[in-house]
Amino acid sequence: MSERQPEYHLDGRAVTDEPSFYAALGRAVRAPDGYYGSNLDALADCLRGGFGPEPPFTLVWQDSAPARRHLTRRLPAPDGREQSYFDAIVDVLRDGGVTVLLR
């Protein structure tokens, strides 16, 4: 019998920019001092351990649509195209072993 992954809920209603995303994520995962990254590289570092929960875990991103509308800065994607900051966040989380459920 497999053990169930921990599950955290991120309230996306207040995510209007990158800093507010990282603040909401830190609260959602109950990270020490609320810190669970401040940019994509720092988020990837946190997922590797030492700053809060380590994957595997599930992140249920409630009200993700407002964040998708606000986190639109364009970044290069691994495949050479561009992607939004929102999509880059989801990629970093999933690549780090997090099951992301967008609601």
C-alpha atoms as a PDB file:
ATOM      1  CA  MET A   1       0.000   0.000   0.000  1.00  0.00           C
ATOM      2  CA  SER A   2       1.491   3.358  -0.997  1.00  0.00           C
ATOM      3  CA  GLU A   3       1.597   6.285   1.365  1.00  0.00           C
ATOM      4  CA  ARG A   4      -0.527   9.291   0.430  1.00  0.00           C
ATOM      5  CA  GLN A   5       1.364  12.440  -0.532  1.00  0.00           C
ATOM      6  CA  PRO A   6       0.991  15.517   1.630  1.00  0.00           C
ATOM      7  CA  GLU A   7      -1.390  18.042   0.097  1.00  0.00           C
ATOM      8  CA  TYR A   8      -1.144  21.828   0.325  1.00  0.00           C
ATOM      9  CA  HIS A   9      -3.651  24.439  -0.855  1.00  0.00           C
ATOM     10  CA  LEU A  10      -2.517  27.684  -2.429  1.00  0.00           C
ATOM     11  CA  ASP A  11      -5.086  30.506  -2.447  1.00  0.00           C
ATOM     12  CA  GLY A  12      -4.537  32.152  -5.812  1.00  0.00           C
ATOM     13  CA  ARG A  13      -6.987  35.023  -5.357  1.00  0.00           C
ATOM     14  CA  ALA A  14      -4.297  37.361  -4.024  1.00  0.00           C
ATOM     15  CA  VAL A  15      -1.631  36.438  -6.596  1.00  0.00           C
ATOM     16  CA  THR A  16      -1.261  39.610  -8.655  1.00  0.00           C
ATOM     17  CA  ASP A  17       2.503  39.589  -9.259  1.00  0.00           C
ATOM     18  CA  GLU A  18       5.568  37.449  -8.724  1.00  0.00           C
ATOM     19  CA  PRO A  19       6.257  38.509  -5.096  1.00  0.00           C
ATOM     20  CA  SER A  20       2.644  37.829  -4.095  1.00  0.00           C
ATOM     21  CA  PHE A  21       2.884  34.356  -5.659  1.00  0.00           C
ATOM     22  CA  TYR A  22       5.953  33.442  -3.601  1.00  0.00           C
ATOM     23  CA  ALA A  23       4.342  34.838  -0.422  1.00  0.00           C
ATOM     24  CA  ALA A  24       1.181  32.794  -1.072  1.00  0.00           C
ATOM     25  CA  LEU A  25       3.219  29.677  -1.824  1.00  0.00           C
ATOM     26  CA  GLY A  26       5.263  30.051   1.360  1.00  0.00           C
ATOM     27  CA  ARG A  27       2.050  30.312   3.389  1.00  0.00           C
ATOM     28  CA  ALA A  28       0.459  27.393   1.562  1.00  0.00           C
ATOM     29  CA  VAL A  29       3.311  24.969   2.253  1.00  0.00           C
ATOM     30  CA  ARG A  30       3.882  26.366   5.748  1.00  0.00           C
ATOM     31  CA  ALA A  31       7.542  26.968   4.982  1.00  0.00           C
ATOM     32  CA  PRO A  32       9.831  28.234   7.762  1.00  0.00           C
ATOM     33  CA  ASP A  33       9.503  32.024   7.975  1.00  0.00           C
ATOM     34  CA  GLY A  34       7.115  31.796   5.007  1.00  0.00           C
ATOM     35  CA  TYR A  35      10.007  31.471   2.542  1.00  0.00           C
ATOM     36  CA  TYR A  36       9.708  28.998  -0.314  1.00  0.00           C
ATOM     37  CA  GLY A  37      11.597  30.854  -3.017  1.00  0.00           C
ATOM     38  CA  SER A  38      11.595  34.367  -4.422  1.00  0.00           C
ATOM     39  CA  ASN A  39      12.292  33.520  -8.072  1.00  0.00           C
ATOM     40  CA  LEU A  40      12.293  30.393 -10.244  1.00  0.00           C
ATOM     41  CA  ASP A  41      15.857  29.350  -9.350  1.00  0.00           C
ATOM     42  CA  ALA A  42      15.201  29.789  -5.627  1.00  0.00           C
ATOM     43  CA  LEU A  43      11.967  27.815  -5.947  1.00  0.00           C
ATOM     44  CA  ALA A  44      13.882  24.967  -7.594  1.00  0.00           C
ATOM     45  CA  ASP A  45      16.404  25.112  -4.725  1.00  0.00           C
ATOM     46  CA  CYS A  46      13.605  24.916  -2.136  1.00  0.00           C
ATOM     47  CA  LEU A  47      12.175  21.866  -3.889  1.00  0.00           C
ATOM     48  CA  ARG A  48      15.537  20.134  -3.444  1.00  0.00           C
ATOM     49  CA  GLY A  49      15.177  20.441   0.327  1.00  0.00           C
ATOM     50  CA  GLY A  50      16.020  22.413   3.427  1.00  0.00           C
ATOM     51  CA  PHE A  51      13.378  25.169   3.183  1.00  0.00           C
ATOM     52  CA  GLY A  52      10.096  23.425   3.881  1.00  0.00           C
ATOM     53  CA  PRO A  53       8.344  20.416   2.455  1.00  0.00           C
ATOM     54  CA  GLU A  54      10.220  18.257   0.003  1.00  0.00           C
ATOM     55  CA  PRO A  55       8.479  16.576  -2.915  1.00  0.00           C
ATOM     56  CA  PRO A  56       6.648  14.475  -3.577  1.00  0.00           C
ATOM     57  CA  PHE A  57       3.608  16.449  -2.504  1.00  0.00           C
ATOM     58  CA  THR A  58       0.471  17.789  -4.134  1.00  0.00           C
ATOM     59  CA  LEU A  59      -0.185  21.497  -4.547  1.00  0.00           C
ATOM     60  CA  VAL A  60      -3.831  22.346  -5.135  1.00  0.00           C
ATOM     61  CA  TRP A  61      -3.755  25.836  -6.622  1.00  0.00           C
ATOM     62  CA  GLN A  62      -7.214  27.226  -5.904  1.00  0.00           C
ATOM     63  CA  ASP A  63      -8.343  30.165  -8.041  1.00  0.00           C
ATOM     64  CA  SER A  64      -5.369  29.840 -10.380  1.00  0.00           C
ATOM     65  CA  ALA A  65      -7.025  31.894 -13.162  1.00  0.00           C
ATOM     66  CA  PRO A  66      -6.195  35.306 -11.633  1.00  0.00           C
ATOM     67  CA  ALA A  67      -2.535  34.295 -11.338  1.00  0.00           C
ATOM     68  CA  ARG A  68      -2.511  33.126 -14.953  1.00  0.00           C
ATOM     69  CA  ARG A  69      -3.850  36.563 -15.965  1.00  0.00           C
ATOM     70  CA  HIS A  70      -1.249  38.448 -13.899  1.00  0.00           C
ATOM     71  CA  LEU A  71       1.906  36.327 -14.288  1.00  0.00           C
ATOM     72  CA  THR A  72       2.366  36.992 -17.977  1.00  0.00           C
ATOM     73  CA  ARG A  73       6.025  38.024 -18.211  1.00  0.00           C
ATOM     74  CA  ARG A  74       7.529  36.061 -21.095  1.00  0.00           C
ATOM     75  CA  LEU A  75      10.487  33.734 -20.492  1.00  0.00           C
ATOM     76  CA  PRO A  76      12.364  31.294 -22.695  1.00  0.00           C
ATOM     77  CA  ALA A  77      10.958  27.781 -22.374  1.00  0.00           C
ATOM     78  CA  PRO A  78      13.136  24.656 -22.421  1.00  0.00           C
ATOM     79  CA  ASP A  79      11.953  23.887 -25.966  1.00  0.00           C
ATOM     80  CA  GLY A  80      13.196  27.257 -27.255  1.00  0.00           C
ATOM     81  CA  ARG A  81       9.792  28.921 -27.413  1.00  0.00           C
ATOM     82  CA  GLU A  82       8.519  31.493 -24.945  1.00  0.00           C
ATOM     83  CA  GLN A  83       6.198  30.820 -22.041  1.00  0.00           C
ATOM     84  CA  SER A  84       4.472  32.904 -19.413  1.00  0.00           C
ATOM     85  CA  TYR A  85       5.873  33.181 -15.908  1.00  0.00           C
ATOM     86  CA  PHE A  86       2.795  31.289 -14.720  1.00  0.00           C
ATOM     87  CA  ASP A  87       3.617  28.339 -16.995  1.00  0.00           C
ATOM     88  CA  ALA A  88       7.275  28.493 -15.933  1.00  0.00           C
ATOM     89  CA  ILE A  89       6.229  28.221 -12.264  1.00  0.00           C
ATOM     90  CA  VAL A  90       4.087  25.177 -12.999  1.00  0.00           C
ATOM     91  CA  ASP A  91       6.967  23.598 -14.956  1.00  0.00           C
ATOM     92  CA  VAL A  92       9.465  24.167 -12.121  1.00  0.00           C
ATOM     93  CA  LEU A  93       7.060  22.690  -9.580  1.00  0.00           C
ATOM     94  CA  ARG A  94       6.287  19.636 -11.711  1.00  0.00           C
ATOM     95  CA  ASP A  95       9.937  19.114 -12.671  1.00  0.00           C
ATOM     96  CA  GLY A  96      10.726  19.246  -8.963  1.00  0.00           C
ATOM     97  CA  GLY A  97       8.327  16.402  -8.178  1.00  0.00           C
ATOM     98  CA  VAL A  98       5.205  18.346  -7.190  1.00  0.00           C
ATOM     99  CA  THR A  99       1.801  17.258  -8.442  1.00  0.00           C
ATOM    100  CA  VAL A 100       0.133  20.556  -9.384  1.00  0.00           C
ATOM    101  CA  LEU A 101      -3.658  20.686  -9.602  1.00  0.00           C
ATOM    102  CA  LEU A 102      -4.949  23.921 -11.106  1.00  0.00           C
ATOM    103  CA  ARG A 103      -8.447  24.865  -9.974  1.00  0.00           C
END
